[in-house]
N, C-alpha and C. Protein backbone atom coordinates (compact mmCIF):
# COMPACT_ATOMS: atom_id res chain seq x y z
N MET A 1 64.24 -6.72 -4.60
CA MET A 1 62.76 -6.91 -4.51
C MET A 1 63.12 -8.29 -3.01
N GLY A 2 62.38 -8.05 -1.81
CA GLY A 2 62.01 -8.91 -0.90
C GLY A 2 61.96 -10.34 -1.48
N LYS A 3 61.54 -10.90 -0.22
CA LYS A 3 61.47 -12.51 -0.10
C LYS A 3 60.21 -11.97 0.13
N GLY A 4 59.75 -13.41 -0.94
CA GLY A 4 57.91 -13.23 -0.52
C GLY A 4 57.52 -13.18 -1.55
N SER A 5 56.60 -13.66 -2.16
CA SER A 5 55.62 -13.68 -3.53
C SER A 5 54.73 -12.28 -3.22
N SER A 6 54.03 -11.84 -3.86
CA SER A 6 53.52 -9.36 -3.38
C SER A 6 52.41 -10.74 -2.27
N GLU A 7 51.43 -10.97 -2.48
CA GLU A 7 50.91 -11.74 -2.10
C GLU A 7 51.02 -11.80 -0.31
N GLN A 8 52.31 -12.29 -0.30
CA GLN A 8 52.24 -12.90 1.43
C GLN A 8 53.07 -11.18 2.16
N ARG A 9 53.40 -10.09 0.76
CA ARG A 9 53.86 -9.00 1.23
C ARG A 9 53.13 -8.49 1.89
N THR A 10 51.96 -8.16 1.36
CA THR A 10 50.40 -7.47 1.59
C THR A 10 50.15 -8.33 2.25
N ALA A 11 50.30 -9.48 2.72
CA ALA A 11 49.31 -10.16 3.59
C ALA A 11 50.25 -9.86 5.06
N HIS A 12 51.43 -9.22 5.31
CA HIS A 12 52.31 -9.24 6.39
C HIS A 12 52.17 -7.56 6.16
N ARG A 13 52.08 -6.69 5.20
CA ARG A 13 51.65 -5.23 5.91
C ARG A 13 50.30 -5.00 6.47
N LYS A 14 49.56 -6.35 6.15
CA LYS A 14 48.24 -5.71 6.79
C LYS A 14 48.17 -6.07 8.15
N ARG A 15 48.73 -7.50 7.85
CA ARG A 15 49.24 -7.73 9.68
C ARG A 15 48.96 -6.77 10.29
N THR A 16 50.45 -5.98 9.71
CA THR A 16 51.43 -5.48 11.16
C THR A 16 50.72 -3.87 10.72
N VAL A 17 50.05 -3.41 10.05
CA VAL A 17 48.48 -2.42 10.75
C VAL A 17 47.53 -2.80 11.17
N LEU A 18 46.63 -4.08 11.18
CA LEU A 18 46.19 -4.23 12.48
C LEU A 18 46.95 -4.53 13.69
N GLU A 19 47.55 -5.48 13.59
CA GLU A 19 48.49 -4.70 14.98
C GLU A 19 49.52 -3.38 15.36
N LEU A 20 49.67 -2.44 14.83
CA LEU A 20 49.32 -1.33 15.50
C LEU A 20 47.89 -0.89 15.76
N ALA A 21 47.23 -0.88 14.56
CA ALA A 21 45.78 -0.40 14.81
C ALA A 21 44.97 -0.87 16.68
N LEU A 22 45.23 -1.89 16.92
CA LEU A 22 44.96 -2.68 17.90
C LEU A 22 45.36 -2.12 19.32
N ASP A 23 46.99 -1.93 18.70
CA ASP A 23 47.93 -1.22 19.86
C ASP A 23 47.51 0.00 20.16
N ILE A 24 46.74 1.13 19.31
CA ILE A 24 46.72 2.14 19.24
C ILE A 24 44.70 2.32 20.04
N LEU A 25 43.92 1.48 19.37
CA LEU A 25 43.44 1.41 20.38
C LEU A 25 43.28 0.84 22.54
N GLU A 26 43.65 0.29 22.41
CA GLU A 26 44.15 -0.34 23.29
C GLU A 26 44.54 0.53 24.55
N GLN A 27 45.71 1.91 23.91
CA GLN A 27 46.36 2.56 24.79
C GLN A 27 45.21 4.12 24.37
N MET A 28 43.85 3.75 23.46
CA MET A 28 43.33 4.55 23.42
C MET A 28 42.41 4.60 24.97
N GLY A 29 42.29 3.09 25.33
CA GLY A 29 41.41 2.66 26.17
C GLY A 29 42.02 3.14 27.48
N GLN A 30 43.30 3.00 27.63
CA GLN A 30 43.94 3.42 29.34
C GLN A 30 42.80 4.30 29.45
N PHE A 31 42.86 5.95 28.66
CA PHE A 31 42.60 7.71 29.24
C PHE A 31 41.30 8.04 29.70
N HIS A 32 40.45 6.50 28.91
CA HIS A 32 38.99 6.82 29.06
C HIS A 32 38.68 7.81 30.69
N PRO A 33 37.92 8.62 30.66
CA PRO A 33 37.51 8.55 31.87
C PRO A 33 36.93 7.32 32.81
N GLU A 34 36.63 7.40 34.03
CA GLU A 34 36.55 6.12 34.83
C GLU A 34 35.13 6.57 35.16
N GLU A 35 35.17 7.92 35.76
CA GLU A 35 33.19 8.22 36.02
C GLU A 35 32.97 9.15 35.15
N PRO A 36 31.08 8.39 35.22
CA PRO A 36 30.44 8.76 34.39
C PRO A 36 31.19 10.21 32.97
N HIS A 37 30.99 9.74 32.13
CA HIS A 37 30.45 10.98 31.11
C HIS A 37 30.13 10.93 30.06
N TRP A 38 30.17 11.96 28.85
CA TRP A 38 29.51 11.38 27.45
C TRP A 38 30.98 11.62 26.83
N TYR A 39 30.99 10.26 25.96
CA TYR A 39 32.07 10.21 24.85
C TYR A 39 30.97 10.07 23.47
N LEU A 40 32.41 11.01 22.66
CA LEU A 40 31.94 11.50 21.38
C LEU A 40 32.76 11.16 20.52
N PRO A 41 32.49 9.61 20.09
CA PRO A 41 33.26 9.33 19.61
C PRO A 41 33.60 9.50 17.93
N THR A 42 32.63 10.38 17.04
CA THR A 42 32.33 10.28 16.17
C THR A 42 31.59 11.69 15.53
N LEU A 43 32.75 12.53 14.93
CA LEU A 43 32.04 13.92 14.84
C LEU A 43 32.88 14.13 13.30
N GLY A 44 31.75 14.28 12.71
CA GLY A 44 32.02 14.74 10.50
C GLY A 44 30.94 15.68 10.13
N VAL A 45 31.49 16.38 9.42
CA VAL A 45 31.33 17.33 8.21
C VAL A 45 31.41 17.47 6.82
N ASP A 46 30.17 16.89 5.93
CA ASP A 46 30.64 16.82 4.76
C ASP A 46 31.59 18.21 4.51
N PRO A 47 32.62 16.93 3.21
CA PRO A 47 34.62 18.47 3.20
C PRO A 47 33.52 19.36 3.16
N ILE A 48 32.32 19.54 2.39
CA ILE A 48 32.06 20.62 0.72
C ILE A 48 31.78 21.84 2.77
N PHE A 49 31.03 21.41 3.62
CA PHE A 49 30.27 22.23 4.53
C PHE A 49 31.19 22.33 5.86
N GLN A 50 33.12 22.00 5.28
CA GLN A 50 33.55 22.20 6.71
C GLN A 50 34.62 23.46 6.19
N ASN A 51 33.99 24.14 7.25
CA ASN A 51 35.07 25.21 7.85
C ASN A 51 33.81 26.61 7.70
N CYS A 52 33.03 25.85 8.01
CA CYS A 52 31.43 27.24 7.70
C CYS A 52 30.98 27.43 9.26
N GLY A 53 31.28 26.58 10.37
CA GLY A 53 30.81 26.53 11.53
C GLY A 53 29.53 25.45 11.49
N GLN A 54 29.62 24.19 10.91
CA GLN A 54 29.07 22.68 11.16
C GLN A 54 29.45 22.04 12.36
N GLY A 55 30.72 21.58 12.29
CA GLY A 55 31.12 21.36 13.33
C GLY A 55 31.49 21.71 14.87
N SER A 56 31.34 23.50 14.50
CA SER A 56 31.23 23.86 15.62
C SER A 56 29.64 24.24 16.72
N ALA A 57 28.68 24.32 15.26
CA ALA A 57 27.11 23.71 15.98
C ALA A 57 27.48 22.17 16.61
N LEU A 58 27.56 21.16 15.94
CA LEU A 58 27.21 19.74 16.23
C LEU A 58 27.88 19.06 18.21
N LEU A 59 29.32 21.04 17.79
CA LEU A 59 29.84 20.44 19.43
C LEU A 59 28.98 21.60 20.18
N ARG A 60 28.82 22.35 19.99
CA ARG A 60 27.94 23.02 21.40
C ARG A 60 26.62 22.37 20.83
N LYS A 61 26.13 21.75 19.97
CA LYS A 61 25.09 21.10 20.60
C LYS A 61 25.26 19.69 21.54
N ALA A 62 25.92 19.08 20.76
CA ALA A 62 26.38 17.87 21.95
C ALA A 62 27.17 17.81 23.45
N LEU A 63 27.22 19.28 23.10
CA LEU A 63 28.10 19.54 24.58
C LEU A 63 27.00 20.36 25.98
N LYS A 64 25.77 21.06 25.47
CA LYS A 64 24.76 21.67 25.80
C LYS A 64 23.67 20.25 26.46
N GLN A 65 23.88 18.91 25.42
CA GLN A 65 23.08 17.51 26.35
C GLN A 65 24.18 17.45 27.39
N CYS A 66 25.58 17.50 27.62
CA CYS A 66 26.59 17.26 28.30
C CYS A 66 26.81 18.09 29.48
N ASP A 67 25.90 19.71 29.94
CA ASP A 67 25.35 20.24 30.25
C ASP A 67 24.55 20.05 31.24
N GLU A 68 23.36 19.82 30.91
CA GLU A 68 22.03 19.13 30.95
C GLU A 68 21.74 18.76 31.83
N ASP A 69 22.61 16.87 32.03
CA ASP A 69 22.84 16.08 32.07
C ASP A 69 24.05 16.36 33.64
N GLY A 70 24.88 17.18 34.00
CA GLY A 70 25.60 17.07 34.34
C GLY A 70 27.35 17.10 34.51
N LEU A 71 27.52 15.72 33.21
CA LEU A 71 28.53 15.10 32.97
C LEU A 71 29.21 16.19 31.58
N THR A 72 30.64 15.46 32.37
CA THR A 72 32.17 16.21 31.22
C THR A 72 31.36 14.99 30.36
N ALA A 73 32.65 15.76 28.94
CA ALA A 73 32.28 15.20 28.26
C ALA A 73 33.74 14.75 27.51
N TYR A 74 34.35 13.35 26.35
CA TYR A 74 34.95 13.05 26.42
C TYR A 74 35.38 12.56 24.69
N LEU A 75 36.49 13.01 24.18
CA LEU A 75 36.71 12.30 22.94
C LEU A 75 37.97 12.53 22.76
N GLU A 76 38.14 12.01 21.13
CA GLU A 76 39.57 11.38 20.53
C GLU A 76 39.76 11.97 19.64
N SER A 77 40.77 12.87 18.96
CA SER A 77 40.76 13.08 17.31
C SER A 77 41.72 12.12 16.29
N SER A 78 41.62 11.23 15.32
CA SER A 78 42.16 10.58 15.13
C SER A 78 43.21 11.85 13.26
N ASN A 79 42.62 13.23 13.59
CA ASN A 79 43.24 14.08 12.64
C ASN A 79 43.75 15.13 13.25
N PRO A 80 44.86 15.79 13.00
CA PRO A 80 45.88 16.86 13.93
C PRO A 80 44.46 17.80 13.66
N ARG A 81 43.70 18.06 12.45
CA ARG A 81 43.53 19.14 11.80
C ARG A 81 42.05 20.07 13.39
N ASN A 82 42.08 18.93 13.39
CA ASN A 82 40.49 19.21 14.73
C ASN A 82 40.85 19.52 15.60
N ILE A 83 42.27 19.64 15.95
CA ILE A 83 42.32 19.69 17.14
C ILE A 83 42.03 21.10 17.99
N PRO A 84 42.71 21.83 16.97
CA PRO A 84 42.35 23.38 17.12
C PRO A 84 40.61 23.69 17.86
N LEU A 85 39.88 23.12 16.85
CA LEU A 85 38.13 22.72 16.53
C LEU A 85 37.76 22.82 18.39
N TYR A 86 38.53 21.19 18.60
CA TYR A 86 38.29 20.79 20.22
C TYR A 86 38.59 22.19 20.91
N GLU A 87 40.10 22.61 20.77
CA GLU A 87 40.11 23.37 22.11
C GLU A 87 39.95 24.84 22.16
N ARG A 88 39.29 25.30 20.58
CA ARG A 88 38.26 26.11 21.34
C ARG A 88 36.55 26.04 21.72
N HIS A 89 36.74 24.88 21.92
CA HIS A 89 34.99 23.86 22.93
C HIS A 89 35.74 23.94 24.39
N GLY A 90 36.81 23.75 24.41
CA GLY A 90 37.12 24.00 25.92
C GLY A 90 38.02 22.16 25.84
N PHE A 91 37.98 21.84 25.08
CA PHE A 91 38.33 20.37 24.99
C PHE A 91 40.38 20.59 24.95
N PRO A 92 41.18 20.03 26.30
CA PRO A 92 42.59 19.98 26.41
C PRO A 92 43.14 19.44 25.19
N GLU A 93 43.78 19.45 24.65
CA GLU A 93 45.07 18.09 24.63
C GLU A 93 45.78 17.53 25.30
N THR A 94 45.79 16.20 25.83
CA THR A 94 46.24 15.70 26.54
C THR A 94 47.03 14.41 26.52
N ARG A 95 46.88 14.10 25.83
CA ARG A 95 48.05 13.17 24.87
C ARG A 95 48.01 12.99 23.53
N ARG A 96 48.82 12.71 23.15
CA ARG A 96 49.17 12.01 21.04
C ARG A 96 49.77 10.34 21.32
N SER A 97 48.76 9.23 20.36
CA SER A 97 49.73 8.17 20.52
C SER A 97 49.83 8.05 18.87
N LYS A 98 50.81 6.23 19.00
CA LYS A 98 51.15 6.70 17.54
C LYS A 98 50.28 6.50 15.84
N ARG A 99 50.59 7.56 15.21
CA ARG A 99 50.02 7.68 13.84
C ARG A 99 50.70 5.38 13.37
N LEU A 100 48.84 5.71 12.55
CA LEU A 100 49.44 4.56 11.63
C LEU A 100 50.28 4.51 10.33
N CYS A 101 49.89 5.72 10.19
CA CYS A 101 50.88 6.80 8.58
C CYS A 101 51.30 7.17 8.80
N ASN A 102 52.06 8.37 8.01
CA ASN A 102 53.23 9.55 7.65
C ASN A 102 52.21 10.19 7.20
N ARG A 103 51.20 10.04 6.77
CA ARG A 103 50.63 11.41 5.93
C ARG A 103 49.83 13.03 7.26
């Protein structure tokens, strides 16, 4: 068993995860476009409605607004399973950052 109390080990793990999360956010910020754009930060579909076209419908609506405004769109995905959806709608995968865990 490692040194320190269980509470100390838990606190250390939380600090480590927080530091890694802040590092990832900093990395992501370096790649945001500088020109005016729509940033699509969150796209979510209730699991019972996933794989039924709801994500595509949400993206189409957002991208229609981008087209009307004459702006590009930028997004980030924390879930590799979503990348094919984004690629189908014209978003190329440009970079990958560190993951917080190995799930």
